[in-house]
Amino acid sequence: MSVEQRRAQRYNLQLPLEIVRLGGRRVSRTERTRNISSGGVCFVTPDDVEVGGRIEYVITLSGSNPPVKIRCLGKVLRSLQPRPAEGQFEVACTMERYSFVRTGEFQPVGVPATA
């Protein structure tokens, strides 16, 4: 029996999550959250993610118009494949820094903003 060690309450929310940077690589992958808390997020992806690496991601909060986006920086804590037959990895990462992004402000990484 494992002892629960989380400090923050987790909320089971399936929200769009765009990964924009993994380690030093720019990427553009859209996944879905499994759950979220004030300290981090768990999402599901078909690709393994390097544990210990830095990650930058954007979570879109649904139900608002225009949608609210939160740009987050963190570290990958865990990448497990609980059911290998399904081909999905469950990835947990921290939310060390975050900022709200206004509509129109967010540019995909590597795309310069227009003046």
C-alpha atoms as a PDB file:
ATOM      1  CA  MET A   1       0.000   0.000   0.000  1.00  0.00           C
ATOM      2  CA  SER A   2       1.451   3.365  -1.033  1.00  0.00           C
ATOM      3  CA  VAL A   3       1.171   6.531   1.019  1.00  0.00           C
ATOM      4  CA  GLU A   4      -0.254   9.595  -0.706  1.00  0.00           C
ATOM      5  CA  GLN A   5       2.436  12.301  -0.747  1.00  0.00           C
ATOM      6  CA  ARG A   6       0.797  15.034  -2.828  1.00  0.00           C
ATOM      7  CA  ARG A   7       0.552  18.420  -1.155  1.00  0.00           C
ATOM      8  CA  ALA A   8      -2.099  19.892  -3.432  1.00  0.00           C
ATOM      9  CA  GLN A   9      -5.543  18.576  -4.263  1.00  0.00           C
ATOM     10  CA  ARG A  10      -5.832  17.123  -7.777  1.00  0.00           C
ATOM     11  CA  TYR A  11      -8.786  17.794 -10.054  1.00  0.00           C
ATOM     12  CA  ASN A  12      -9.742  15.282 -12.744  1.00  0.00           C
ATOM     13  CA  LEU A  13     -10.002  17.629 -15.717  1.00  0.00           C
ATOM     14  CA  GLN A  14      -9.498  16.724 -19.364  1.00  0.00           C
ATOM     15  CA  LEU A  15      -8.199  19.951 -20.905  1.00  0.00           C
ATOM     16  CA  PRO A  16      -6.224  20.639 -24.086  1.00  0.00           C
ATOM     17  CA  LEU A  17      -2.489  20.783 -23.360  1.00  0.00           C
ATOM     18  CA  GLU A  18       0.006  21.882 -26.011  1.00  0.00           C
ATOM     19  CA  ILE A  19       3.642  20.935 -25.438  1.00  0.00           C
ATOM     20  CA  VAL A  20       5.853  23.648 -26.941  1.00  0.00           C
ATOM     21  CA  ARG A  21       9.278  22.675 -25.581  1.00  0.00           C
ATOM     22  CA  LEU A  22      10.852  19.467 -24.272  1.00  0.00           C
ATOM     23  CA  GLY A  23      14.348  19.960 -22.879  1.00  0.00           C
ATOM     24  CA  GLY A  24      16.114  22.102 -25.464  1.00  0.00           C
ATOM     25  CA  ARG A  25      13.859  21.030 -28.354  1.00  0.00           C
ATOM     26  CA  ARG A  26      10.960  23.034 -29.710  1.00  0.00           C
ATOM     27  CA  VAL A  27       7.963  20.855 -30.385  1.00  0.00           C
ATOM     28  CA  SER A  28       4.283  21.277 -31.145  1.00  0.00           C
ATOM     29  CA  ARG A  29       2.185  18.451 -29.743  1.00  0.00           C
ATOM     30  CA  THR A  30      -1.361  18.594 -28.485  1.00  0.00           C
ATOM     31  CA  GLU A  31      -2.368  16.220 -25.687  1.00  0.00           C
ATOM     32  CA  ARG A  32      -5.098  16.098 -22.995  1.00  0.00           C
ATOM     33  CA  THR A  33      -4.676  16.491 -19.268  1.00  0.00           C
ATOM     34  CA  ARG A  34      -5.785  13.666 -17.006  1.00  0.00           C
ATOM     35  CA  ASN A  35      -5.658  15.749 -13.837  1.00  0.00           C
ATOM     36  CA  ILE A  36      -4.281  19.064 -12.641  1.00  0.00           C
ATOM     37  CA  SER A  37      -3.322  20.731  -9.355  1.00  0.00           C
ATOM     38  CA  SER A  38      -1.647  23.947  -8.261  1.00  0.00           C
ATOM     39  CA  GLY A  39       1.703  22.124  -8.333  1.00  0.00           C
ATOM     40  CA  GLY A  40       1.532  20.190 -11.574  1.00  0.00           C
ATOM     41  CA  VAL A  41      -0.298  18.302 -14.246  1.00  0.00           C
ATOM     42  CA  CYS A  42      -0.677  14.725 -15.463  1.00  0.00           C
ATOM     43  CA  PHE A  43      -1.336  14.111 -19.153  1.00  0.00           C
ATOM     44  CA  VAL A  44      -1.530  11.192 -21.544  1.00  0.00           C
ATOM     45  CA  THR A  45       0.614  10.944 -24.681  1.00  0.00           C
ATOM     46  CA  PRO A  46       1.556   8.264 -27.212  1.00  0.00           C
ATOM     47  CA  ASP A  47       5.249   9.224 -26.848  1.00  0.00           C
ATOM     48  CA  ASP A  48       7.596   8.610 -23.931  1.00  0.00           C
ATOM     49  CA  VAL A  49       8.981  11.792 -22.343  1.00  0.00           C
ATOM     50  CA  GLU A  50      12.406  12.050 -20.710  1.00  0.00           C
ATOM     51  CA  VAL A  51      12.136  12.126 -16.912  1.00  0.00           C
ATOM     52  CA  GLY A  52      14.039  15.006 -15.314  1.00  0.00           C
ATOM     53  CA  GLY A  53      13.876  17.166 -18.436  1.00  0.00           C
ATOM     54  CA  ARG A  54      12.433  20.656 -18.633  1.00  0.00           C
ATOM     55  CA  ILE A  55       9.019  21.095 -20.253  1.00  0.00           C
ATOM     56  CA  GLU A  56       7.056  24.105 -21.443  1.00  0.00           C
ATOM     57  CA  TYR A  57       3.350  23.654 -22.098  1.00  0.00           C
ATOM     58  CA  VAL A  58       0.144  25.627 -22.555  1.00  0.00           C
ATOM     59  CA  ILE A  59      -3.136  24.565 -20.952  1.00  0.00           C
ATOM     60  CA  THR A  60      -6.369  25.895 -22.430  1.00  0.00           C
ATOM     61  CA  LEU A  61      -9.190  26.331 -19.942  1.00  0.00           C
ATOM     62  CA  SER A  62     -12.393  25.418 -21.705  1.00  0.00           C
ATOM     63  CA  GLY A  63     -15.764  26.960 -21.048  1.00  0.00           C
ATOM     64  CA  SER A  64     -14.756  30.576 -21.555  1.00  0.00           C
ATOM     65  CA  ASN A  65     -15.015  32.788 -24.605  1.00  0.00           C
ATOM     66  CA  PRO A  66     -12.384  33.697 -25.552  1.00  0.00           C
ATOM     67  CA  PRO A  67     -10.495  30.675 -24.152  1.00  0.00           C
ATOM     68  CA  VAL A  68      -8.047  31.322 -21.323  1.00  0.00           C
ATOM     69  CA  LYS A  69      -4.546  29.919 -21.861  1.00  0.00           C
ATOM     70  CA  ILE A  70      -1.933  29.308 -19.176  1.00  0.00           C
ATOM     71  CA  ARG A  71       1.705  29.008 -20.275  1.00  0.00           C
ATOM     72  CA  CYS A  72       3.634  26.793 -17.827  1.00  0.00           C
ATOM     73  CA  LEU A  73       7.260  25.847 -17.209  1.00  0.00           C
ATOM     74  CA  GLY A  74       8.171  22.763 -15.237  1.00  0.00           C
ATOM     75  CA  LYS A  75      10.076  19.513 -14.978  1.00  0.00           C
ATOM     76  CA  VAL A  76       9.012  16.003 -15.972  1.00  0.00           C
ATOM     77  CA  LEU A  77       8.694  13.873 -12.823  1.00  0.00           C
ATOM     78  CA  ARG A  78       7.339  10.621 -14.235  1.00  0.00           C
ATOM     79  CA  SER A  79       6.627   8.922 -17.561  1.00  0.00           C
ATOM     80  CA  LEU A  80       4.969   5.519 -17.185  1.00  0.00           C
ATOM     81  CA  GLN A  81       3.164   3.168 -19.508  1.00  0.00           C
ATOM     82  CA  PRO A  82       0.565   1.613 -17.154  1.00  0.00           C
ATOM     83  CA  ARG A  83      -1.072  -0.462 -19.922  1.00  0.00           C
ATOM     84  CA  PRO A  84       1.498  -1.109 -22.681  1.00  0.00           C
ATOM     85  CA  ALA A  85      -1.155  -2.673 -24.924  1.00  0.00           C
ATOM     86  CA  GLU A  86      -2.867   0.739 -25.156  1.00  0.00           C
ATOM     87  CA  GLY A  87       0.358   2.444 -26.282  1.00  0.00           C
ATOM     88  CA  GLN A  88      -0.140   5.476 -24.032  1.00  0.00           C
ATOM     89  CA  PHE A  89       2.252   7.039 -21.525  1.00  0.00           C
ATOM     90  CA  GLU A  90       1.066   8.812 -18.398  1.00  0.00           C
ATOM     91  CA  VAL A  91       3.334  11.817 -17.833  1.00  0.00           C
ATOM     92  CA  ALA A  92       3.459  13.893 -14.639  1.00  0.00           C
ATOM     93  CA  CYS A  93       5.227  17.243 -14.568  1.00  0.00           C
ATOM     94  CA  THR A  94       5.551  20.182 -12.227  1.00  0.00           C
ATOM     95  CA  MET A  95       4.117  23.649 -12.738  1.00  0.00           C
ATOM     96  CA  GLU A  96       7.002  25.711 -11.369  1.00  0.00           C
ATOM     97  CA  ARG A  97       6.164  28.943 -13.184  1.00  0.00           C
ATOM     98  CA  TYR A  98       3.101  30.006 -15.082  1.00  0.00           C
ATOM     99  CA  SER A  99       1.535  33.034 -16.700  1.00  0.00           C
ATOM    100  CA  PHE A 100      -1.859  33.737 -18.198  1.00  0.00           C
ATOM    101  CA  VAL A 101      -1.754  34.470 -21.902  1.00  0.00           C
ATOM    102  CA  ARG A 102      -4.198  36.891 -23.475  1.00  0.00           C
ATOM    103  CA  THR A 103      -5.962  35.970 -26.685  1.00  0.00           C
ATOM    104  CA  GLY A 104      -3.762  36.923 -29.619  1.00  0.00           C
ATOM    105  CA  GLU A 105      -0.590  37.146 -27.497  1.00  0.00           C
ATOM    106  CA  PHE A 106       0.362  33.502 -27.662  1.00  0.00           C
ATOM    107  CA  GLN A 107       2.619  32.637 -30.570  1.00  0.00           C
ATOM    108  CA  PRO A 108       3.861  29.105 -31.078  1.00  0.00           C
ATOM    109  CA  VAL A 109       7.514  28.793 -30.079  1.00  0.00           C
ATOM    110  CA  GLY A 110       9.769  29.748 -32.984  1.00  0.00           C
ATOM    111  CA  VAL A 111       7.190  32.012 -34.646  1.00  0.00           C
ATOM    112  CA  PRO A 112       8.059  35.703 -34.209  1.00  0.00           C
ATOM    113  CA  ALA A 113       5.267  37.985 -33.033  1.00  0.00           C
ATOM    114  CA  THR A 114       4.227  40.636 -35.504  1.00  0.00           C
ATOM    115  CA  ALA A 115       4.636  44.264 -34.487  1.00  0.00           C
END
